[in-house]
Protein backbone atom coordinates (compact mmCIF):
# COMPACT_ATOMS: atom_id res chain seq x y z
CA MET A 1 79.94 -66.07 182.79
CA ASN A 2 83.38 -67.69 184.37
CA SER A 3 82.09 -67.32 187.61
CA ALA A 4 79.08 -69.69 187.43
CA ARG A 5 80.13 -72.67 188.19
CA THR A 6 76.97 -74.74 190.13
CA VAL A 7 73.74 -75.47 188.22
CA ARG A 8 71.87 -72.62 189.81
CA GLU A 9 74.56 -69.95 188.68
CA CYS A 10 75.22 -71.38 185.58
CA LEU A 11 70.94 -71.35 184.83
CA ALA A 12 71.14 -67.67 186.26
CA ALA A 13 74.42 -66.38 184.45
CA ALA A 14 73.44 -67.90 180.71
CA THR A 15 69.63 -65.44 181.37
CA ALA A 16 71.30 -62.51 182.32
CA LEU A 17 73.40 -62.89 178.73
CA GLY A 18 69.51 -62.88 177.38
CA LEU A 19 69.15 -66.63 176.78
CA GLU A 20 65.60 -68.27 177.52
CA ARG A 21 65.52 -69.98 180.43
CA LEU A 22 64.04 -73.05 178.81
CA ASP A 23 66.83 -72.79 176.12
CA ALA A 24 69.40 -72.77 179.07
CA GLN A 25 67.92 -75.60 181.08
CA LEU A 26 68.16 -77.97 177.67
CA LEU A 27 71.63 -77.00 176.96
CA LEU A 28 72.67 -77.62 180.49
CA GLY A 29 70.71 -80.65 180.61
CA GLN A 30 72.67 -82.25 177.52
CA VAL A 31 75.99 -81.09 179.02
CA LEU A 32 75.32 -82.99 182.16
CA GLY A 33 73.14 -85.70 180.41
CA GLN A 34 70.22 -84.83 182.73
CA GLY A 35 66.64 -83.87 182.43
CA ARG A 36 65.20 -80.69 183.77
CA ALA A 37 63.63 -81.81 187.02
CA TRP A 38 67.39 -83.05 187.60
CA LEU A 39 68.24 -79.61 187.45
CA HIS A 40 66.02 -78.30 190.09
CA ALA A 41 66.64 -80.62 192.22
CA HIS A 42 70.17 -80.43 191.97
CA ASP A 43 70.81 -76.76 191.64
CA ASP A 44 73.75 -76.07 194.35
CA HIS A 45 75.32 -79.18 191.60
CA ALA A 46 78.86 -77.97 191.05
CA LEU A 47 80.12 -78.31 186.89
CA SER A 48 83.40 -79.47 186.47
CA ALA A 49 85.81 -76.66 184.44
CA GLU A 50 85.12 -79.11 181.66
CA GLN A 51 81.18 -79.46 181.59
CA LEU A 52 80.93 -75.22 182.17
CA GLY A 53 83.75 -74.61 179.70
CA GLN A 54 81.31 -76.80 177.27
CA PHE A 55 78.27 -74.85 178.78
CA GLU A 56 79.85 -71.61 178.06
CA ARG A 57 81.00 -72.29 174.14
CA TRP A 58 77.37 -73.59 174.02
CA VAL A 59 75.36 -70.63 175.36
CA ALA A 60 77.87 -68.81 172.63
CA ARG A 61 76.34 -70.22 170.13
CA ARG A 62 72.48 -70.53 170.84
CA GLN A 63 73.17 -66.66 171.60
CA ALA A 64 74.42 -66.27 168.19
CA GLY A 65 71.08 -67.73 166.52
CA GLU A 66 72.51 -71.54 165.93
CA PRO A 67 69.53 -73.96 166.26
CA PHE A 68 69.77 -75.99 169.58
CA ALA A 69 69.45 -78.99 167.21
CA TYR A 70 72.71 -78.23 165.47
CA ILE A 71 74.52 -77.32 168.97
CA VAL A 72 73.75 -81.05 170.73
CA GLY A 73 74.27 -82.70 167.53
CA ARG A 74 70.62 -84.75 167.22
CA LYS A 75 66.77 -84.41 167.26
CA GLU A 76 64.85 -86.68 168.14
CA PHE A 77 62.24 -87.08 165.19
CA ARG A 78 59.04 -90.06 165.63
CA GLY A 79 61.43 -92.05 167.87
CA LEU A 80 64.65 -91.97 165.76
CA ASP A 81 67.59 -90.14 167.12
CA LEU A 82 69.16 -88.48 164.30
CA GLN A 83 72.60 -86.30 163.73
CA VAL A 84 71.75 -83.02 162.67
CA ASP A 85 74.01 -80.10 162.25
CA ALA A 86 74.20 -77.68 159.27
CA ARG A 87 74.68 -80.19 156.63
CA GLY A 88 71.08 -80.65 156.18
CA LEU A 89 67.74 -78.54 157.88
CA VAL A 90 66.66 -79.75 160.93
CA PRO A 91 63.04 -81.56 161.37
CA ARG A 92 60.49 -80.01 162.60
CA PRO A 93 57.07 -80.98 163.77
CA ASP A 94 55.32 -80.36 160.18
CA THR A 95 57.45 -82.46 158.45
CA GLU A 96 55.64 -85.74 160.21
CA VAL A 97 52.49 -84.13 157.85
CA ARG A 98 54.82 -85.72 154.31
CA VAL A 99 55.63 -88.70 156.34
CA ASP A 100 52.01 -89.47 157.54
CA TRP A 101 51.40 -88.93 153.32
CA ALA A 102 54.26 -91.11 152.44
CA ILE A 103 53.16 -93.53 155.05
CA ASP A 104 49.13 -93.86 153.64
CA LEU A 105 50.46 -93.98 150.08
CA LEU A 106 52.73 -97.09 151.29
CA LYS A 107 49.71 -98.82 153.22
CA ASP A 108 47.16 -97.99 150.41
CA GLU A 109 47.83 -97.25 147.05
CA LEU A 110 51.60 -98.87 147.14
CA ALA A 111 50.30 -101.85 149.54
CA ALA A 112 50.20 -104.11 146.72
CA ASP A 113 53.50 -104.15 146.13
CA ASP A 114 55.08 -107.15 147.81
CA VAL A 115 58.01 -104.62 148.71
CA PRO A 116 57.16 -101.32 148.02
CA LYS A 117 59.88 -99.00 147.17
CA VAL A 118 60.36 -95.34 148.10
CA LEU A 119 62.12 -92.42 146.81
CA ASP A 120 63.59 -89.64 148.85
CA LEU A 121 64.82 -86.73 146.58
CA GLY A 122 66.89 -83.95 148.17
CA THR A 123 67.16 -86.68 151.31
CA GLY A 124 69.60 -83.50 153.41
CA PRO A 125 69.16 -86.23 157.00
CA GLY A 126 67.37 -88.32 155.27
CA THR A 127 64.67 -87.72 157.73
CA LEU A 128 61.56 -88.50 155.63
CA LEU A 129 62.83 -91.60 154.00
CA LEU A 130 64.26 -93.00 157.35
CA ALA A 131 61.20 -92.00 159.33
CA ALA A 132 58.62 -93.34 156.43
CA LEU A 133 60.98 -97.24 156.72
CA ASP A 134 60.75 -97.46 160.36
CA GLU A 135 56.76 -97.16 159.91
CA TRP A 136 56.62 -99.06 156.81
CA PRO A 137 58.56 -102.31 155.54
CA ALA A 138 60.15 -101.29 151.85
CA GLN A 139 62.84 -100.24 150.42
CA GLY A 140 64.15 -96.66 149.96
CA LEU A 141 67.15 -94.62 148.22
CA GLY A 142 67.40 -91.15 149.36
CA VAL A 143 69.36 -89.32 146.91
CA ASP A 144 70.75 -85.58 147.07
CA TYR A 145 72.69 -83.36 144.79
CA SER A 146 75.23 -82.63 147.92
CA SER A 147 77.81 -85.14 148.86
CA GLN A 148 78.24 -83.80 152.46
CA ALA A 149 74.63 -84.12 152.79
CA LEU A 150 74.50 -87.85 151.38
CA ALA A 151 77.23 -88.84 154.18
CA TYR A 152 75.17 -87.33 156.53
CA ALA A 153 72.40 -89.34 155.81
CA ARG A 154 74.27 -91.94 155.89
CA ALA A 155 75.39 -91.88 158.91
CA ASN A 156 71.95 -91.46 160.04
């Protein structure tokens, strides 16, 4: 993919390698700090050598099956911008069901407590705990067997 220099050429090269066009656009958008609409409007924009190298590395990682969120190092979840990597699971949309359940408990059954307490066992990146605490005033504690996962949660 070394010959790709413009947005258009980078996207064409990535899709020629088998990457889904949306993945290629999202990766390139992250590299350039731009959205998909900008990529369409500026498809003749030339990438710097550094940007091109980063895009090529990210395309290779995505081709190998690495999750998009691990590649870019973050994932938005319920308005929170979370750091993500291989130390924990990528928050999925169905995870919101668990957060909704926890918030319902805080609002209903635990509402009588001045400051309800939330315990997240196996917290990983802290997604559930952080989302619940962002929605409702409570004290929280995330617990995990893995010291790496706890460092990950602390970073978030």
